[in-house]
């Protein structure tokens, strides 16, 4: 069974994101590469209190420069390995 192109695209993007996360964690310890850890956090926190039911959800998305580099590496890898 042949996997679809969408699967491979998502696979390489997630792989690149993971590589970027690892790269960002390593770069926090290297003084001249700390600029790769600069990033932004976006959060979304809806809450509902309906007397008998209380609901809250906290979603956070953090993106730094190292993760962007990792995603770009993933995209280049996807185009390099034609499926």
PDB file of N, CA and C in Angstrom:
ATOM      1  N   UNK A   1       0.834  -1.178   0.000  1.00  0.00           N
ATOM      2  CA  UNK A   1       0.000   0.000   0.000  1.00  0.00           C
ATOM      3  C   UNK A   1       0.882   1.245   0.000  1.00  0.00           C
ATOM      4  N   UNK A   2       0.633   2.141  -0.918  1.00  0.00           N
ATOM      5  CA  UNK A   2       1.425   3.345  -1.041  1.00  0.00           C
ATOM      6  C   UNK A   2       0.802   4.458  -0.200  1.00  0.00           C
ATOM      7  N   UNK A   3       1.637   5.108   0.595  1.00  0.00           N
ATOM      8  CA  UNK A   3       1.147   6.196   1.431  1.00  0.00           C
ATOM      9  C   UNK A   3       0.987   7.461   0.606  1.00  0.00           C
ATOM     10  N   UNK A   4       0.047   8.280   0.990  1.00  0.00           N
ATOM     11  CA  UNK A   4      -0.247   9.481   0.207  1.00  0.00           C
ATOM     12  C   UNK A   4       0.825  10.552   0.407  1.00  0.00           C
ATOM     13  N   UNK A   5       0.841  11.488  -0.511  1.00  0.00           N
ATOM     14  CA  UNK A   5       1.789  12.600  -0.437  1.00  0.00           C
ATOM     15  C   UNK A   5       1.518  13.480   0.775  1.00  0.00           C
ATOM     16  N   UNK A   6       0.264  13.617   1.152  1.00  0.00           N
ATOM     17  CA  UNK A   6      -0.091  14.428   2.317  1.00  0.00           C
ATOM     18  C   UNK A   6       0.508  13.841   3.589  1.00  0.00           C
ATOM     19  N   UNK A   7       0.486  12.503   3.701  1.00  0.00           N
ATOM     20  CA  UNK A   7       1.091  11.853   4.864  1.00  0.00           C
ATOM     21  C   UNK A   7       2.569  12.189   4.952  1.00  0.00           C
ATOM     22  N   UNK A   8       3.278  12.069   3.842  1.00  0.00           N
ATOM     23  CA  UNK A   8       4.716  12.332   3.857  1.00  0.00           C
ATOM     24  C   UNK A   8       5.019  13.803   4.129  1.00  0.00           C
ATOM     25  N   UNK A   9       4.179  14.693   3.615  1.00  0.00           N
ATOM     26  CA  UNK A   9       4.373  16.117   3.885  1.00  0.00           C
ATOM     27  C   UNK A   9       4.228  16.401   5.374  1.00  0.00           C
ATOM     28  N   UNK A  10       3.185  15.874   5.989  1.00  0.00           N
ATOM     29  CA  UNK A  10       2.970  16.072   7.426  1.00  0.00           C
ATOM     30  C   UNK A  10       4.078  15.398   8.225  1.00  0.00           C
ATOM     31  N   UNK A  11       4.504  14.218   7.786  1.00  0.00           N
ATOM     32  CA  UNK A  11       5.600  13.514   8.457  1.00  0.00           C
ATOM     33  C   UNK A  11       6.859  14.366   8.481  1.00  0.00           C
ATOM     34  N   UNK A  12       7.261  14.933   7.351  1.00  0.00           N
ATOM     35  CA  UNK A  12       8.476  15.734   7.285  1.00  0.00           C
ATOM     36  C   UNK A  12       8.330  17.044   8.047  1.00  0.00           C
ATOM     37  N   UNK A  13       7.127  17.640   8.042  1.00  0.00           N
ATOM     38  CA  UNK A  13       6.936  18.865   8.815  1.00  0.00           C
ATOM     39  C   UNK A  13       7.042  18.593  10.313  1.00  0.00           C
ATOM     40  N   UNK A  14       6.422  17.537  10.781  1.00  0.00           N
ATOM     41  CA  UNK A  14       6.495  17.201  12.208  1.00  0.00           C
ATOM     42  C   UNK A  14       7.920  16.825  12.593  1.00  0.00           C
ATOM     43  N   UNK A  15       8.605  16.086  11.738  1.00  0.00           N
ATOM     44  CA  UNK A  15      10.001  15.739  11.993  1.00  0.00           C
ATOM     45  C   UNK A  15      10.859  17.000  12.079  1.00  0.00           C
ATOM     46  N   UNK A  16      10.649  17.923  11.171  1.00  0.00           N
ATOM     47  CA  UNK A  16      11.384  19.190  11.203  1.00  0.00           C
ATOM     48  C   UNK A  16      11.078  19.997  12.454  1.00  0.00           C
ATOM     49  N   UNK A  17       9.827  19.977  12.880  1.00  0.00           N
ATOM     50  CA  UNK A  17       9.440  20.682  14.095  1.00  0.00           C
ATOM     51  C   UNK A  17      10.124  20.067  15.313  1.00  0.00           C
ATOM     52  N   UNK A  18      10.190  18.749  15.359  1.00  0.00           N
ATOM     53  CA  UNK A  18      10.873  18.084  16.471  1.00  0.00           C
ATOM     54  C   UNK A  18      12.375  18.365  16.460  1.00  0.00           C
ATOM     55  N   UNK A  19      12.976  18.361  15.281  1.00  0.00           N
ATOM     56  CA  UNK A  19      14.398  18.685  15.170  1.00  0.00           C
ATOM     57  C   UNK A  19      14.637  20.126  15.624  1.00  0.00           C
ATOM     58  N   UNK A  20      13.761  21.037  15.227  1.00  0.00           N
ATOM     59  CA  UNK A  20      13.883  22.429  15.651  1.00  0.00           C
ATOM     60  C   UNK A  20      13.727  22.598  17.151  1.00  0.00           C
ATOM     61  N   UNK A  21      12.845  21.826  17.761  1.00  0.00           N
ATOM     62  CA  UNK A  21      12.670  21.893  19.207  1.00  0.00           C
ATOM     63  C   UNK A  21      13.922  21.412  19.928  1.00  0.00           C
ATOM     64  N   UNK A  22      14.483  20.316  19.457  1.00  0.00           N
ATOM     65  CA  UNK A  22      15.721  19.805  20.050  1.00  0.00           C
ATOM     66  C   UNK A  22      16.850  20.804  19.842  1.00  0.00           C
ATOM     67  N   UNK A  23      16.944  21.367  18.655  1.00  0.00           N
ATOM     68  CA  UNK A  23      17.960  22.370  18.356  1.00  0.00           C
ATOM     69  C   UNK A  23      17.801  23.585  19.267  1.00  0.00           C
ATOM     70  N   UNK A  24      16.573  24.018  19.495  1.00  0.00           N
ATOM     71  CA  UNK A  24      16.323  25.157  20.377  1.00  0.00           C
ATOM     72  C   UNK A  24      16.732  24.867  21.805  1.00  0.00           C
ATOM     73  N   UNK A  25      16.472  23.649  22.286  1.00  0.00           N
ATOM     74  CA  UNK A  25      16.874  23.290  23.641  1.00  0.00           C
ATOM     75  C   UNK A  25      18.391  23.230  23.784  1.00  0.00           C
ATOM     76  N   UNK A  26      19.075  22.756  22.764  1.00  0.00           N
ATOM     77  CA  UNK A  26      20.533  22.696  22.801  1.00  0.00           C
ATOM     78  C   UNK A  26      21.126  24.100  22.730  1.00  0.00           C
ATOM     79  N   UNK A  27      20.516  24.973  21.945  1.00  0.00           N
ATOM     80  CA  UNK A  27      21.053  26.325  21.745  1.00  0.00           C
ATOM     81  C   UNK A  27      20.922  27.212  22.978  1.00  0.00           C
ATOM     82  N   UNK A  28      20.091  26.839  23.944  1.00  0.00           N
ATOM     83  CA  UNK A  28      19.997  27.639  25.173  1.00  0.00           C
ATOM     84  C   UNK A  28      21.286  27.580  25.971  1.00  0.00           C
ATOM     85  N   UNK A  29      22.098  26.543  25.763  1.00  0.00           N
ATOM     86  CA  UNK A  29      23.340  26.374  26.515  1.00  0.00           C
ATOM     87  C   UNK A  29      24.555  26.961  25.798  1.00  0.00           C
ATOM     88  N   UNK A  30      24.389  27.378  24.544  1.00  0.00           N
ATOM     89  CA  UNK A  30      25.502  27.921  23.757  1.00  0.00           C
ATOM     90  C   UNK A  30      25.281  29.421  23.604  1.00  0.00           C
ATOM     91  N   UNK A  31      26.155  30.236  24.192  1.00  0.00           N
ATOM     92  CA  UNK A  31      25.905  31.685  24.231  1.00  0.00           C
ATOM     93  C   UNK A  31      25.724  32.349  22.863  1.00  0.00           C
ATOM     94  N   UNK A  32      26.521  32.002  21.864  1.00  0.00           N
ATOM     95  CA  UNK A  32      26.417  32.697  20.582  1.00  0.00           C
ATOM     96  C   UNK A  32      25.295  32.158  19.699  1.00  0.00           C
ATOM     97  N   UNK A  33      24.581  31.122  20.128  1.00  0.00           N
ATOM     98  CA  UNK A  33      23.431  30.609  19.380  1.00  0.00           C
ATOM     99  C   UNK A  33      22.103  30.830  20.114  1.00  0.00           C
ATOM    100  N   UNK A  34      22.125  31.608  21.178  1.00  0.00           N
ATOM    101  CA  UNK A  34      20.914  31.824  21.954  1.00  0.00           C
ATOM    102  C   UNK A  34      19.861  32.616  21.191  1.00  0.00           C
ATOM    103  N   UNK A  35      20.234  33.300  20.111  1.00  0.00           N
ATOM    104  CA  UNK A  35      19.245  34.024  19.316  1.00  0.00           C
ATOM    105  C   UNK A  35      18.242  33.065  18.659  1.00  0.00           C
ATOM    106  N   UNK A  36      18.630  31.794  18.488  1.00  0.00           N
ATOM    107  CA  UNK A  36      17.713  30.810  17.907  1.00  0.00           C
ATOM    108  C   UNK A  36      16.574  30.443  18.847  1.00  0.00           C
ATOM    109  N   UNK A  37      16.707  30.784  20.124  1.00  0.00           N
ATOM    110  CA  UNK A  37      15.655  30.467  21.092  1.00  0.00           C
ATOM    111  C   UNK A  37      14.635  31.593  21.225  1.00  0.00           C
ATOM    112  N   UNK A  38      14.823  32.682  20.499  1.00  0.00           N
ATOM    113  CA  UNK A  38      13.846  33.772  20.540  1.00  0.00           C
ATOM    114  C   UNK A  38      12.553  33.311  19.896  1.00  0.00           C
ATOM    115  N   UNK A  39      11.468  33.579  20.557  1.00  0.00           N
ATOM    116  CA  UNK A  39      10.204  33.113  20.015  1.00  0.00           C
ATOM    117  C   UNK A  39       9.021  33.814  20.646  1.00  0.00           C
ATOM    118  N   UNK A  40       7.870  33.301  20.348  1.00  0.00           N
ATOM    119  CA  UNK A  40       6.617  33.880  20.809  1.00  0.00           C
ATOM    120  C   UNK A  40       5.684  32.755  21.249  1.00  0.00           C
ATOM    121  N   UNK A  41       4.879  33.037  22.259  1.00  0.00           N
ATOM    122  CA  UNK A  41       3.885  32.087  22.745  1.00  0.00           C
ATOM    123  C   UNK A  41       2.502  32.676  22.530  1.00  0.00           C
ATOM    124  N   UNK A  42       1.626  31.889  21.954  1.00  0.00           N
ATOM    125  CA  UNK A  42       0.229  32.275  21.757  1.00  0.00           C
ATOM    126  C   UNK A  42      -0.615  31.315  22.583  1.00  0.00           C
ATOM    127  N   UNK A  43      -1.537  31.864  23.364  1.00  0.00           N
ATOM    128  CA  UNK A  43      -2.374  30.994  24.182  1.00  0.00           C
ATOM    129  C   UNK A  43      -3.848  31.341  23.992  1.00  0.00           C
ATOM    130  N   UNK A  44      -4.670  30.337  24.215  1.00  0.00           N
ATOM    131  CA  UNK A  44      -6.122  30.458  24.088  1.00  0.00           C
ATOM    132  C   UNK A  44      -6.729  29.731  25.277  1.00  0.00           C
ATOM    133  N   UNK A  45      -7.495  30.446  26.101  1.00  0.00           N
ATOM    134  CA  UNK A  45      -8.023  29.860  27.334  1.00  0.00           C
ATOM    135  C   UNK A  45      -9.513  30.147  27.501  1.00  0.00           C
ATOM    136  N   UNK A  46     -10.377  29.434  26.799  1.00  0.00           N
ATOM    137  CA  UNK A  46     -11.809  29.630  27.026  1.00  0.00           C
ATOM    138  C   UNK A  46     -12.245  28.942  28.322  1.00  0.00           C
ATOM    139  N   UNK A  47     -13.239  29.514  28.963  1.00  0.00           N
ATOM    140  CA  UNK A  47     -13.770  28.920  30.189  1.00  0.00           C
ATOM    141  C   UNK A  47     -15.280  29.129  30.210  1.00  0.00           C
ATOM    142  N   UNK A  48     -15.977  28.167  30.812  1.00  0.00           N
ATOM    143  CA  UNK A  48     -17.431  28.263  30.942  1.00  0.00           C
ATOM    144  C   UNK A  48     -17.824  27.799  32.335  1.00  0.00           C
ATOM    145  N   UNK A  49     -18.698  28.551  32.964  1.00  0.00           N
ATOM    146  CA  UNK A  49     -19.221  28.175  34.276  1.00  0.00           C
ATOM    147  C   UNK A  49     -20.734  28.115  34.156  1.00  0.00           C
ATOM    148  N   UNK A  50     -21.274  26.909  34.089  1.00  0.00           N
ATOM    149  CA  UNK A  50     -22.708  26.707  33.894  1.00  0.00           C
ATOM    150  C   UNK A  50     -23.378  26.179  35.158  1.00  0.00           C
ATOM    151  N   UNK A  51     -22.904  26.585  36.318  1.00  0.00           N
ATOM    152  CA  UNK A  51     -23.362  26.215  37.648  1.00  0.00           C
ATOM    153  C   UNK A  51     -23.143  24.726  37.918  1.00  0.00           C
ATOM    154  N   UNK A  52     -23.690  23.835  37.128  1.00  0.00           N
ATOM    155  CA  UNK A  52     -23.511  22.409  37.360  1.00  0.00           C
ATOM    156  C   UNK A  52     -22.292  21.847  36.633  1.00  0.00           C
ATOM    157  N   UNK A  53     -21.747  22.634  35.734  1.00  0.00           N
ATOM    158  CA  UNK A  53     -20.608  22.182  34.938  1.00  0.00           C
ATOM    159  C   UNK A  53     -19.638  23.335  34.761  1.00  0.00           C
ATOM    160  N   UNK A  54     -18.404  23.095  35.134  1.00  0.00           N
ATOM    161  CA  UNK A  54     -17.348  24.080  34.905  1.00  0.00           C
ATOM    162  C   UNK A  54     -16.361  23.495  33.910  1.00  0.00           C
ATOM    163  N   UNK A  55     -16.037  24.297  32.927  1.00  0.00           N
ATOM    164  CA  UNK A  55     -15.178  23.830  31.847  1.00  0.00           C
ATOM    165  C   UNK A  55     -14.118  24.878  31.575  1.00  0.00           C
ATOM    166  N   UNK A  56     -12.870  24.437  31.477  1.00  0.00           N
ATOM    167  CA  UNK A  56     -11.794  25.346  31.089  1.00  0.00           C
ATOM    168  C   UNK A  56     -10.803  24.571  30.229  1.00  0.00           C
ATOM    169  N   UNK A  57     -10.212  25.275  29.333  1.00  0.00           N
ATOM    170  CA  UNK A  57      -9.270  24.680  28.391  1.00  0.00           C
ATOM    171  C   UNK A  57      -8.125  25.656  28.206  1.00  0.00           C
ATOM    172  N   UNK A  58      -6.910  25.157  28.255  1.00  0.00           N
ATOM    173  CA  UNK A  58      -5.738  26.012  28.093  1.00  0.00           C
ATOM    174  C   UNK A  58      -4.886  25.459  26.956  1.00  0.00           C
ATOM    175  N   UNK A  59      -4.868  26.169  25.850  1.00  0.00           N
ATOM    176  CA  UNK A  59      -4.058  25.781  24.703  1.00  0.00           C
ATOM    177  C   UNK A  59      -2.928  26.789  24.534  1.00  0.00           C
ATOM    178  N   UNK A  60      -1.700  26.283  24.407  1.00  0.00           N
ATOM    179  CA  UNK A  60      -0.538  27.152  24.207  1.00  0.00           C
ATOM    180  C   UNK A  60       0.252  26.647  23.019  1.00  0.00           C
ATOM    181  N   UNK A  61       0.684  27.585  22.204  1.00  0.00           N
ATOM    182  CA  UNK A  61       1.510  27.266  21.049  1.00  0.00           C
ATOM    183  C   UNK A  61       2.738  28.153  21.106  1.00  0.00           C
ATOM    184  N   UNK A  62       3.905  27.534  21.205  1.00  0.00           N
ATOM    185  CA  UNK A  62       5.155  28.272  21.289  1.00  0.00           C
ATOM    186  C   UNK A  62       5.970  27.983  20.041  1.00  0.00           C
ATOM    187  N   UNK A  63       6.453  29.033  19.422  1.00  0.00           N
ATOM    188  CA  UNK A  63       7.262  28.889  18.213  1.00  0.00           C
ATOM    189  C   UNK A  63       8.489  29.760  18.354  1.00  0.00           C
ATOM    190  N   UNK A  64       9.667  29.162  18.134  1.00  0.00           N
ATOM    191  CA  UNK A  64      10.890  29.956  18.166  1.00  0.00           C
ATOM    192  C   UNK A  64      11.619  29.815  16.828  1.00  0.00           C
ATOM    193  N   UNK A  65      12.687  30.554  16.706  1.00  0.00           N
ATOM    194  CA  UNK A  65      13.415  30.602  15.438  1.00  0.00           C
ATOM    195  C   UNK A  65      14.014  29.245  15.071  1.00  0.00           C
ATOM    196  N   UNK A  66      14.464  28.486  16.053  1.00  0.00           N
ATOM    197  CA  UNK A  66      15.028  27.161  15.775  1.00  0.00           C
ATOM    198  C   UNK A  66      13.959  26.225  15.212  1.00  0.00           C
ATOM    199  N   UNK A  67      12.721  26.334  15.686  1.00  0.00           N
ATOM    200  CA  UNK A  67      11.645  25.499  15.164  1.00  0.00           C
ATOM    201  C   UNK A  67      11.303  25.893  13.728  1.00  0.00           C
ATOM    202  N   UNK A  68      11.376  27.178  13.426  1.00  0.00           N
ATOM    203  CA  UNK A  68      11.140  27.625  12.048  1.00  0.00           C
ATOM    204  C   UNK A  68      12.204  27.041  11.126  1.00  0.00           C
ATOM    205  N   UNK A  69      13.458  27.048  11.586  1.00  0.00           N
ATOM    206  CA  UNK A  69      14.544  26.447  10.801  1.00  0.00           C
ATOM    207  C   UNK A  69      14.284  24.957  10.613  1.00  0.00           C
ATOM    208  N   UNK A  70      13.830  24.277  11.658  1.00  0.00           N
ATOM    209  CA  UNK A  70      13.520  22.855  11.556  1.00  0.00           C
ATOM    210  C   UNK A  70      12.402  22.573  10.574  1.00  0.00           C
ATOM    211  N   UNK A  71      11.361  23.397  10.569  1.00  0.00           N
ATOM    212  CA  UNK A  71      10.261  23.218   9.615  1.00  0.00           C
ATOM    213  C   UNK A  71      10.756  23.438   8.188  1.00  0.00           C
ATOM    214  N   UNK A  72      11.615  24.434   7.999  1.00  0.00           N
ATOM    215  CA  UNK A  72      12.182  24.659   6.666  1.00  0.00           C
ATOM    216  C   UNK A  72      13.032  23.457   6.225  1.00  0.00           C
ATOM    217  N   UNK A  73      13.794  22.881   7.153  1.00  0.00           N
ATOM    218  CA  UNK A  73      14.558  21.671   6.825  1.00  0.00           C
ATOM    219  C   UNK A  73      13.616  20.538   6.451  1.00  0.00           C
ATOM    220  N   UNK A  74      12.504  20.415   7.161  1.00  0.00           N
ATOM    221  CA  UNK A  74      11.514  19.389   6.834  1.00  0.00           C
ATOM    222  C   UNK A  74      10.904  19.583   5.462  1.00  0.00           C
ATOM    223  N   UNK A  75      10.621  20.835   5.099  1.00  0.00           N
ATOM    224  CA  UNK A  75      10.042  21.105   3.780  1.00  0.00           C
ATOM    225  C   UNK A  75      11.044  20.806   2.675  1.00  0.00           C
ATOM    226  N   UNK A  76      12.296  21.170   2.894  1.00  0.00           N
ATOM    227  CA  UNK A  76      13.333  20.868   1.899  1.00  0.00           C
ATOM    228  C   UNK A  76      13.511  19.363   1.772  1.00  0.00           C
ATOM    229  N   UNK A  77      13.463  18.658   2.898  1.00  0.00           N
ATOM    230  CA  UNK A  77      13.589  17.195   2.858  1.00  0.00           C
ATOM    231  C   UNK A  77      12.427  16.565   2.105  1.00  0.00           C
ATOM    232  N   UNK A  78      11.223  17.090   2.302  1.00  0.00           N
ATOM    233  CA  UNK A  78      10.054  16.567   1.588  1.00  0.00           C
ATOM    234  C   UNK A  78      10.227  16.724   0.078  1.00  0.00           C
ATOM    235  N   UNK A  79      10.701  17.877  -0.342  1.00  0.00           N
ATOM    236  CA  UNK A  79      10.873  18.104  -1.780  1.00  0.00           C
ATOM    237  C   UNK A  79      12.077  17.356  -2.333  1.00  0.00           C
ATOM    238  N   UNK A  80      13.039  17.061  -1.456  1.00  0.00           N
ATOM    239  CA  UNK A  80      14.219  16.308  -1.908  1.00  0.00           C
ATOM    240  C   UNK A  80      13.862  14.838  -2.151  1.00  0.00           C
ATOM    241  N   UNK A  81      13.057  14.274  -1.265  1.00  0.00           N
ATOM    242  CA  UNK A  81      12.628  12.876  -1.395  1.00  0.00           C
ATOM    243  C   UNK A  81      11.257  12.840  -2.034  1.00  0.00           C
ATOM    244  N   UNK A  82      11.187  12.807  -3.334  1.00  0.00           N
ATOM    245  CA  UNK A  82       9.899  12.768  -4.043  1.00  0.00           C
ATOM    246  C   UNK A  82       9.228  11.431  -3.817  1.00  0.00           C
ATOM    247  N   UNK A  83       7.956  11.483  -3.406  1.00  0.00           N
ATOM    248  CA  UNK A  83       7.192  10.260  -3.142  1.00  0.00           C
ATOM    249  C   UNK A  83       6.086  10.114  -4.153  1.00  0.00           C
TER     250      UNK A  83
END
